[in-house]
PDB file of N, CA and C in Angstrom:
ATOM      1  N   PRO A   1       9.503  -4.731  -8.349  1.00  0.00           N
ATOM      2  CA  PRO A   1      10.897  -4.294  -8.492  1.00  0.00           C
ATOM      3  C   PRO A   1      10.986  -2.826  -8.911  1.00  0.00           C
ATOM      4  N   LYS A   2      12.046  -2.191  -8.538  1.00  0.00           N
ATOM      5  CA  LYS A   2      12.213  -0.774  -8.832  1.00  0.00           C
ATOM      6  C   LYS A   2      12.694  -0.498 -10.249  1.00  0.00           C
ATOM      7  N   ASN A   3      12.961  -1.545 -11.026  1.00  0.00           N
ATOM      8  CA  ASN A   3      13.381  -1.323 -12.411  1.00  0.00           C
ATOM      9  C   ASN A   3      12.386  -1.915 -13.419  1.00  0.00           C
ATOM     10  N   ILE A   4      11.174  -2.231 -12.964  1.00  0.00           N
ATOM     11  CA  ILE A   4      10.146  -2.806 -13.838  1.00  0.00           C
ATOM     12  C   ILE A   4       8.862  -1.986 -13.710  1.00  0.00           C
ATOM     13  N   MET A   5       8.287  -1.607 -14.842  1.00  0.00           N
ATOM     14  CA  MET A   5       6.967  -0.973 -14.857  1.00  0.00           C
ATOM     15  C   MET A   5       6.063  -1.834 -15.731  1.00  0.00           C
ATOM     16  N   ALA A   6       4.760  -1.602 -15.688  1.00  0.00           N
ATOM     17  CA  ALA A   6       3.840  -2.427 -16.478  1.00  0.00           C
ATOM     18  C   ALA A   6       2.723  -1.583 -17.083  1.00  0.00           C
ATOM     19  N   LEU A   7       2.257  -2.065 -18.228  1.00  0.00           N
ATOM     20  CA  LEU A   7       1.104  -1.494 -18.913  1.00  0.00           C
ATOM     21  C   LEU A   7       0.100  -2.615 -19.138  1.00  0.00           C
ATOM     22  N   ALA A   8      -1.171  -2.304 -19.085  1.00  0.00           N
ATOM     23  CA  ALA A   8      -2.206  -3.302 -19.382  1.00  0.00           C
ATOM     24  C   ALA A   8      -2.919  -2.875 -20.653  1.00  0.00           C
ATOM     25  N   THR A   9      -3.117  -3.830 -21.545  1.00  0.00           N
ATOM     26  CA  THR A   9      -3.849  -3.562 -22.776  1.00  0.00           C
ATOM     27  C   THR A   9      -5.006  -4.550 -22.875  1.00  0.00           C
ATOM     28  N   PRO A  10      -6.138  -4.123 -23.427  1.00  0.00           N
ATOM     29  CA  PRO A  10      -7.259  -5.055 -23.560  1.00  0.00           C
ATOM     30  C   PRO A  10      -6.934  -6.146 -24.569  1.00  0.00           C
ATOM     31  N   ARG A  11      -7.421  -7.337 -24.326  1.00  0.00           N
ATOM     32  CA  ARG A  11      -7.226  -8.437 -25.271  1.00  0.00           C
ATOM     33  C   ARG A  11      -8.050  -8.165 -26.531  1.00  0.00           C
ATOM     34  N   SER A  12      -7.547  -8.627 -27.659  1.00  0.00           N
ATOM     35  CA  SER A  12      -8.242  -8.375 -28.928  1.00  0.00           C
ATOM     36  C   SER A  12      -9.637  -9.004 -28.937  1.00  0.00           C
ATOM     37  N   SER A  13      -9.809 -10.127 -28.258  1.00  0.00           N
ATOM     38  CA  SER A  13     -11.138 -10.753 -28.213  1.00  0.00           C
ATOM     39  C   SER A  13     -12.143  -9.848 -27.500  1.00  0.00           C
ATOM     40  N   LEU A  14     -11.691  -9.094 -26.525  1.00  0.00           N
ATOM     41  CA  LEU A  14     -12.560  -8.148 -25.831  1.00  0.00           C
ATOM     42  C   LEU A  14     -12.936  -7.004 -26.774  1.00  0.00           C
ATOM     43  N   LEU A  15     -11.948  -6.501 -27.507  1.00  0.00           N
ATOM     44  CA  LEU A  15     -12.202  -5.412 -28.447  1.00  0.00           C
ATOM     45  C   LEU A  15     -13.188  -5.832 -29.533  1.00  0.00           C
ATOM     46  N   ARG A  16     -13.091  -7.074 -29.980  1.00  0.00           N
ATOM     47  CA  ARG A  16     -14.022  -7.582 -31.003  1.00  0.00           C
ATOM     48  C   ARG A  16     -15.471  -7.602 -30.506  1.00  0.00           C
ATOM     49  N   CYS A  17     -15.643  -7.641 -29.206  1.00  0.00           N
ATOM     50  CA  CYS A  17     -16.989  -7.628 -28.609  1.00  0.00           C
ATOM     51  C   CYS A  17     -17.491  -6.207 -28.366  1.00  0.00           C
ATOM     52  N   GLY A  18     -16.697  -5.198 -28.745  1.00  0.00           N
ATOM     53  CA  GLY A  18     -17.105  -3.817 -28.542  1.00  0.00           C
ATOM     54  C   GLY A  18     -16.877  -3.324 -27.131  1.00  0.00           C
ATOM     55  N   VAL A  19     -15.836  -3.854 -26.483  1.00  0.00           N
ATOM     56  CA  VAL A  19     -15.535  -3.497 -25.093  1.00  0.00           C
ATOM     57  C   VAL A  19     -14.057  -3.136 -24.992  1.00  0.00           C
ATOM     58  N   THR A  20     -13.748  -2.143 -24.201  1.00  0.00           N
ATOM     59  CA  THR A  20     -12.352  -1.810 -23.953  1.00  0.00           C
ATOM     60  C   THR A  20     -12.138  -1.606 -22.456  1.00  0.00           C
ATOM     61  N   ILE A  21     -10.877  -1.568 -22.076  1.00  0.00           N
ATOM     62  CA  ILE A  21     -10.504  -1.352 -20.676  1.00  0.00           C
ATOM     63  C   ILE A  21      -9.430  -0.280 -20.629  1.00  0.00           C
ATOM     64  N   ASN A  22      -9.612   0.665 -19.724  1.00  0.00           N
ATOM     65  CA  ASN A  22      -8.621   1.715 -19.516  1.00  0.00           C
ATOM     66  C   ASN A  22      -7.974   1.509 -18.158  1.00  0.00           C
ATOM     67  N   THR A  23      -6.669   1.623 -18.128  1.00  0.00           N
ATOM     68  CA  THR A  23      -5.930   1.489 -16.873  1.00  0.00           C
ATOM     69  C   THR A  23      -4.844   2.547 -16.810  1.00  0.00           C
ATOM     70  N   ALA A  24      -4.302   2.714 -15.649  1.00  0.00           N
ATOM     71  CA  ALA A  24      -3.143   3.576 -15.477  1.00  0.00           C
ATOM     72  C   ALA A  24      -1.878   2.736 -15.620  1.00  0.00           C
ATOM     73  N   VAL A  25      -0.751   3.395 -15.654  1.00  0.00           N
ATOM     74  CA  VAL A  25       0.548   2.719 -15.700  1.00  0.00           C
ATOM     75  C   VAL A  25       0.851   2.170 -14.311  1.00  0.00           C
ATOM     76  N   TRP A  26       1.404   0.960 -14.246  1.00  0.00           N
ATOM     77  CA  TRP A  26       1.910   0.439 -12.982  1.00  0.00           C
ATOM     78  C   TRP A  26       3.338   0.944 -12.843  1.00  0.00           C
ATOM     79  N   ASP A  27       3.528   1.858 -11.914  1.00  0.00           N
ATOM     80  CA  ASP A  27       4.854   2.444 -11.713  1.00  0.00           C
ATOM     81  C   ASP A  27       5.821   1.437 -11.126  1.00  0.00           C
ATOM     82  N   ALA A  28       7.081   1.607 -11.454  1.00  0.00           N
ATOM     83  CA  ALA A  28       8.126   0.779 -10.859  1.00  0.00           C
ATOM     84  C   ALA A  28       8.058   0.919  -9.340  1.00  0.00           C
ATOM     85  N   GLY A  29       8.121  -0.191  -8.635  1.00  0.00           N
ATOM     86  CA  GLY A  29       8.087  -0.177  -7.179  1.00  0.00           C
ATOM     87  C   GLY A  29       6.701  -0.165  -6.567  1.00  0.00           C
ATOM     88  N   TYR A  30       5.653  -0.085  -7.387  1.00  0.00           N
ATOM     89  CA  TYR A  30       4.287  -0.061  -6.848  1.00  0.00           C
ATOM     90  C   TYR A  30       3.899  -1.435  -6.327  1.00  0.00           C
ATOM     91  N   SER A  31       3.209  -1.442  -5.205  1.00  0.00           N
ATOM     92  CA  SER A  31       2.673  -2.674  -4.641  1.00  0.00           C
ATOM     93  C   SER A  31       1.224  -2.411  -4.259  1.00  0.00           C
ATOM     94  N   GLY A  32       0.324  -3.216  -4.767  1.00  0.00           N
ATOM     95  CA  GLY A  32      -1.091  -3.050  -4.467  1.00  0.00           C
ATOM     96  C   GLY A  32      -1.930  -3.623  -5.584  1.00  0.00           C
ATOM     97  N   ARG A  33      -3.230  -3.590  -5.416  1.00  0.00           N
ATOM     98  CA  ARG A  33      -4.144  -4.067  -6.458  1.00  0.00           C
ATOM     99  C   ARG A  33      -4.411  -2.944  -7.443  1.00  0.00           C
ATOM    100  N   SER A  34      -4.601  -3.323  -8.664  1.00  0.00           N
ATOM    101  CA  SER A  34      -4.866  -2.325  -9.694  1.00  0.00           C
ATOM    102  C   SER A  34      -6.356  -2.033  -9.789  1.00  0.00           C
ATOM    103  N   GLN A  35      -6.665  -0.973 -10.484  1.00  0.00           N
ATOM    104  CA  GLN A  35      -8.044  -0.643 -10.799  1.00  0.00           C
ATOM    105  C   GLN A  35      -8.119  -0.329 -12.280  1.00  0.00           C
ATOM    106  N   SER A  36      -9.271  -0.555 -12.859  1.00  0.00           N
ATOM    107  CA  SER A  36      -9.446  -0.267 -14.277  1.00  0.00           C
ATOM    108  C   SER A  36     -10.889   0.149 -14.529  1.00  0.00           C
ATOM    109  N   LEU A  37     -11.111   0.670 -15.723  1.00  0.00           N
ATOM    110  CA  LEU A  37     -12.438   1.102 -16.131  1.00  0.00           C
ATOM    111  C   LEU A  37     -12.809   0.344 -17.397  1.00  0.00           C
ATOM    112  N   MET A  38     -13.868  -0.444 -17.335  1.00  0.00           N
ATOM    113  CA  MET A  38     -14.350  -1.173 -18.508  1.00  0.00           C
ATOM    114  C   MET A  38     -15.462  -0.353 -19.159  1.00  0.00           C
ATOM    115  N   VAL A  39     -15.317  -0.110 -20.465  1.00  0.00           N
ATOM    116  CA  VAL A  39     -16.296   0.659 -21.221  1.00  0.00           C
ATOM    117  C   VAL A  39     -16.903  -0.253 -22.283  1.00  0.00           C
ATOM    118  N   VAL A  40     -18.228  -0.380 -22.265  1.00  0.00           N
ATOM    119  CA  VAL A  40     -18.940  -1.231 -23.219  1.00  0.00           C
ATOM    120  C   VAL A  40     -19.583  -0.330 -24.275  1.00  0.00           C
ATOM    121  N   TYR A  41     -19.062  -0.421 -25.495  1.00  0.00           N
ATOM    122  CA  TYR A  41     -19.606   0.340 -26.620  1.00  0.00           C
ATOM    123  C   TYR A  41     -20.656  -0.462 -27.387  1.00  0.00           C
ATOM    124  N   ASN A  42     -20.710  -1.734 -27.173  1.00  0.00           N
ATOM    125  CA  ASN A  42     -21.627  -2.617 -27.884  1.00  0.00           C
ATOM    126  C   ASN A  42     -23.062  -2.334 -27.430  1.00  0.00           C
ATOM    127  N   PRO A  43     -23.958  -1.923 -28.327  1.00  0.00           N
ATOM    128  CA  PRO A  43     -25.337  -1.634 -27.920  1.00  0.00           C
ATOM    129  C   PRO A  43     -26.084  -2.867 -27.406  1.00  0.00           C
ATOM    130  N   GLN A  44     -25.582  -4.063 -27.715  1.00  0.00           N
ATOM    131  CA  GLN A  44     -26.192  -5.296 -27.218  1.00  0.00           C
ATOM    132  C   GLN A  44     -25.740  -5.614 -25.793  1.00  0.00           C
ATOM    133  N   GLY A  45     -24.787  -4.859 -25.286  1.00  0.00           N
ATOM    134  CA  GLY A  45     -24.249  -5.116 -23.961  1.00  0.00           C
ATOM    135  C   GLY A  45     -23.131  -6.147 -24.009  1.00  0.00           C
ATOM    136  N   PHE A  46     -22.676  -6.564 -22.855  1.00  0.00           N
ATOM    137  CA  PHE A  46     -21.577  -7.522 -22.760  1.00  0.00           C
ATOM    138  C   PHE A  46     -21.705  -8.251 -21.439  1.00  0.00           C
ATOM    139  N   ARG A  47     -21.576  -9.555 -21.468  1.00  0.00           N
ATOM    140  CA  ARG A  47     -21.626 -10.364 -20.253  1.00  0.00           C
ATOM    141  C   ARG A  47     -20.213 -10.863 -19.963  1.00  0.00           C
ATOM    142  N   LEU A  48     -19.684 -10.479 -18.838  1.00  0.00           N
ATOM    143  CA  LEU A  48     -18.341 -10.880 -18.429  1.00  0.00           C
ATOM    144  C   LEU A  48     -18.435 -12.161 -17.615  1.00  0.00           C
ATOM    145  N   GLN A  49     -17.692 -13.171 -18.027  1.00  0.00           N
ATOM    146  CA  GLN A  49     -17.691 -14.441 -17.314  1.00  0.00           C
ATOM    147  C   GLN A  49     -16.604 -14.444 -16.239  1.00  0.00           C
ATOM    148  N   ARG A  50     -16.866 -15.153 -15.165  1.00  0.00           N
ATOM    149  CA  ARG A  50     -15.891 -15.293 -14.085  1.00  0.00           C
ATOM    150  C   ARG A  50     -14.599 -15.888 -14.649  1.00  0.00           C
ATOM    151  N   ASN A  51     -13.470 -15.356 -14.193  1.00  0.00           N
ATOM    152  CA  ASN A  51     -12.122 -15.783 -14.597  1.00  0.00           C
ATOM    153  C   ASN A  51     -11.819 -15.535 -16.072  1.00  0.00           C
ATOM    154  N   ALA A  52     -12.579 -14.663 -16.712  1.00  0.00           N
ATOM    155  CA  ALA A  52     -12.300 -14.326 -18.108  1.00  0.00           C
ATOM    156  C   ALA A  52     -10.981 -13.559 -18.199  1.00  0.00           C
ATOM    157  N   ARG A  53     -10.215 -13.842 -19.230  1.00  0.00           N
ATOM    158  CA  ARG A  53      -8.971 -13.112 -19.473  1.00  0.00           C
ATOM    159  C   ARG A  53      -9.316 -11.862 -20.271  1.00  0.00           C
ATOM    160  N   ILE A  54      -9.093 -10.706 -19.678  1.00  0.00           N
ATOM    161  CA  ILE A  54      -9.545  -9.466 -20.311  1.00  0.00           C
ATOM    162  C   ILE A  54      -8.418  -8.501 -20.654  1.00  0.00           C
ATOM    163  N   VAL A  55      -7.271  -8.633 -20.023  1.00  0.00           N
ATOM    164  CA  VAL A  55      -6.137  -7.756 -20.341  1.00  0.00           C
ATOM    165  C   VAL A  55      -4.869  -8.573 -20.517  1.00  0.00           C
ATOM    166  N   GLN A  56      -3.910  -7.933 -21.166  1.00  0.00           N
ATOM    167  CA  GLN A  56      -2.561  -8.481 -21.254  1.00  0.00           C
ATOM    168  C   GLN A  56      -1.643  -7.490 -20.561  1.00  0.00           C
ATOM    169  N   LEU A  57      -0.843  -7.985 -19.636  1.00  0.00           N
ATOM    170  CA  LEU A  57       0.127  -7.127 -18.964  1.00  0.00           C
ATOM    171  C   LEU A  57       1.431  -7.150 -19.743  1.00  0.00           C
ATOM    172  N   VAL A  58       1.951  -5.963 -19.995  1.00  0.00           N
ATOM    173  CA  VAL A  58       3.230  -5.823 -20.684  1.00  0.00           C
ATOM    174  C   VAL A  58       4.209  -5.236 -19.677  1.00  0.00           C
ATOM    175  N   PHE A  59       5.238  -6.001 -19.341  1.00  0.00           N
ATOM    176  CA  PHE A  59       6.246  -5.548 -18.388  1.00  0.00           C
ATOM    177  C   PHE A  59       7.413  -4.947 -19.148  1.00  0.00           C
ATOM    178  N   LEU A  60       7.873  -3.798 -18.692  1.00  0.00           N
ATOM    179  CA  LEU A  60       8.981  -3.101 -19.329  1.00  0.00           C
ATOM    180  C   LEU A  60      10.118  -2.941 -18.335  1.00  0.00           C
ATOM    181  N   GLU A  61      11.296  -3.384 -18.732  1.00  0.00           N
ATOM    182  CA  GLU A  61      12.463  -3.219 -17.876  1.00  0.00           C
ATOM    183  C   GLU A  61      13.056  -1.845 -18.134  1.00  0.00           C
ATOM    184  N   LEU A  62      13.207  -1.067 -17.086  1.00  0.00           N
ATOM    185  CA  LEU A  62      13.771   0.270 -17.208  1.00  0.00           C
ATOM    186  C   LEU A  62      15.287   0.181 -17.297  1.00  0.00           C
ATOM    187  N   THR A  63      15.914   1.203 -17.860  1.00  0.00           N
ATOM    188  CA  THR A  63      17.363   1.152 -18.059  1.00  0.00           C
ATOM    189  C   THR A  63      18.137   1.223 -16.753  1.00  0.00           C
ATOM    190  N   GLY A  64      17.527   1.738 -15.726  1.00  0.00           N
ATOM    191  CA  GLY A  64      18.184   1.796 -14.429  1.00  0.00           C
ATOM    192  C   GLY A  64      17.156   1.723 -13.320  1.00  0.00           C
ATOM    193  N   GLU A  65      17.619   1.501 -12.111  1.00  0.00           N
ATOM    194  CA  GLU A  65      16.701   1.425 -10.978  1.00  0.00           C
ATOM    195  C   GLU A  65      16.206   2.817 -10.631  1.00  0.00           C
ATOM    196  N   THR A  66      14.932   2.913 -10.314  1.00  0.00           N
ATOM    197  CA  THR A  66      14.336   4.186  -9.924  1.00  0.00           C
ATOM    198  C   THR A  66      14.193   4.227  -8.409  1.00  0.00           C
ATOM    199  N   GLU A  67      13.720   5.341  -7.909  1.00  0.00           N
ATOM    200  CA  GLU A  67      13.430   5.425  -6.472  1.00  0.00           C
ATOM    201  C   GLU A  67      12.211   4.584  -6.132  1.00  0.00           C
ATOM    202  N   GLY A  68      11.397   4.283  -7.133  1.00  0.00           N
ATOM    203  CA  GLY A  68      10.190   3.500  -6.897  1.00  0.00           C
ATOM    204  C   GLY A  68       9.036   4.383  -6.482  1.00  0.00           C
ATOM    205  N   TYR A  69       7.856   3.829  -6.566  1.00  0.00           N
ATOM    206  CA  TYR A  69       6.639   4.562  -6.233  1.00  0.00           C
ATOM    207  C   TYR A  69       6.501   4.666  -4.717  1.00  0.00           C
ATOM    208  N   HIS A  70       6.244   5.881  -4.232  1.00  0.00           N
ATOM    209  CA  HIS A  70       6.050   6.106  -2.793  1.00  0.00           C
ATOM    210  C   HIS A  70       4.796   6.937  -2.538  1.00  0.00           C
ATOM    211  N   GLY A  71       3.839   6.908  -3.474  1.00  0.00           N
ATOM    212  CA  GLY A  71       2.652   7.740  -3.369  1.00  0.00           C
ATOM    213  C   GLY A  71       1.609   7.211  -2.397  1.00  0.00           C
ATOM    214  N   ALA A  72       0.496   7.903  -2.370  1.00  0.00           N
ATOM    215  CA  ALA A  72      -0.586   7.612  -1.429  1.00  0.00           C
ATOM    216  C   ALA A  72      -1.228   6.250  -1.646  1.00  0.00           C
ATOM    217  N   TYR A  73      -1.103   5.675  -2.833  1.00  0.00           N
ATOM    218  CA  TYR A  73      -1.784   4.421  -3.137  1.00  0.00           C
ATOM    219  C   TYR A  73      -0.904   3.191  -2.952  1.00  0.00           C
ATOM    220  N   GLN A  74       0.294   3.370  -2.457  1.00  0.00           N
ATOM    221  CA  GLN A  74       1.188   2.228  -2.227  1.00  0.00           C
ATOM    222  C   GLN A  74       0.548   1.287  -1.204  1.00  0.00           C
ATOM    223  N   GLY A  75       0.470   0.010  -1.541  1.00  0.00           N
ATOM    224  CA  GLY A  75      -0.105  -0.982  -0.634  1.00  0.00           C
ATOM    225  C   GLY A  75      -1.622  -0.981  -0.584  1.00  0.00           C
ATOM    226  N   GLU A  76      -2.269  -0.251  -1.491  1.00  0.00           N
ATOM    227  CA  GLU A  76      -3.723  -0.121  -1.477  1.00  0.00           C
ATOM    228  C   GLU A  76      -4.408  -1.459  -1.756  1.00  0.00           C
ATOM    229  N   ASN A  77      -5.475  -1.707  -1.022  1.00  0.00           N
ATOM    230  CA  ASN A  77      -6.328  -2.894  -1.209  1.00  0.00           C
ATOM    231  C   ASN A  77      -5.598  -4.212  -1.021  1.00  0.00           C
ATOM    232  N   ILE A  78      -4.580  -4.232  -0.212  1.00  0.00           N
ATOM    233  CA  ILE A  78      -3.891  -5.485   0.102  1.00  0.00           C
ATOM    234  C   ILE A  78      -4.326  -5.908   1.494  1.00  0.00           C
ATOM    235  N   ASP A  79      -4.882  -7.097   1.593  1.00  0.00           N
ATOM    236  CA  ASP A  79      -5.363  -7.600   2.896  1.00  0.00           C
ATOM    237  C   ASP A  79      -4.329  -8.484   3.536  1.00  0.00           C
TER     238      ASP A  79
END
């Protein structure tokens, strides 16, 4: 939707393991798959399990409708 944007934050359980995730803002109107960067600070390493919950998405309703995202990455990685 053109009036909703999103932020992703790492889950606290991930942070307790010495791991964080960096993402960009999901712009209002964006359609496509996201990308993120996982950084492991734990010297013991970290094993990620399939289907593990690693982020929380926070959706924010904007005060008005925007033009929406029309950049080069619109529709990226959608099959």
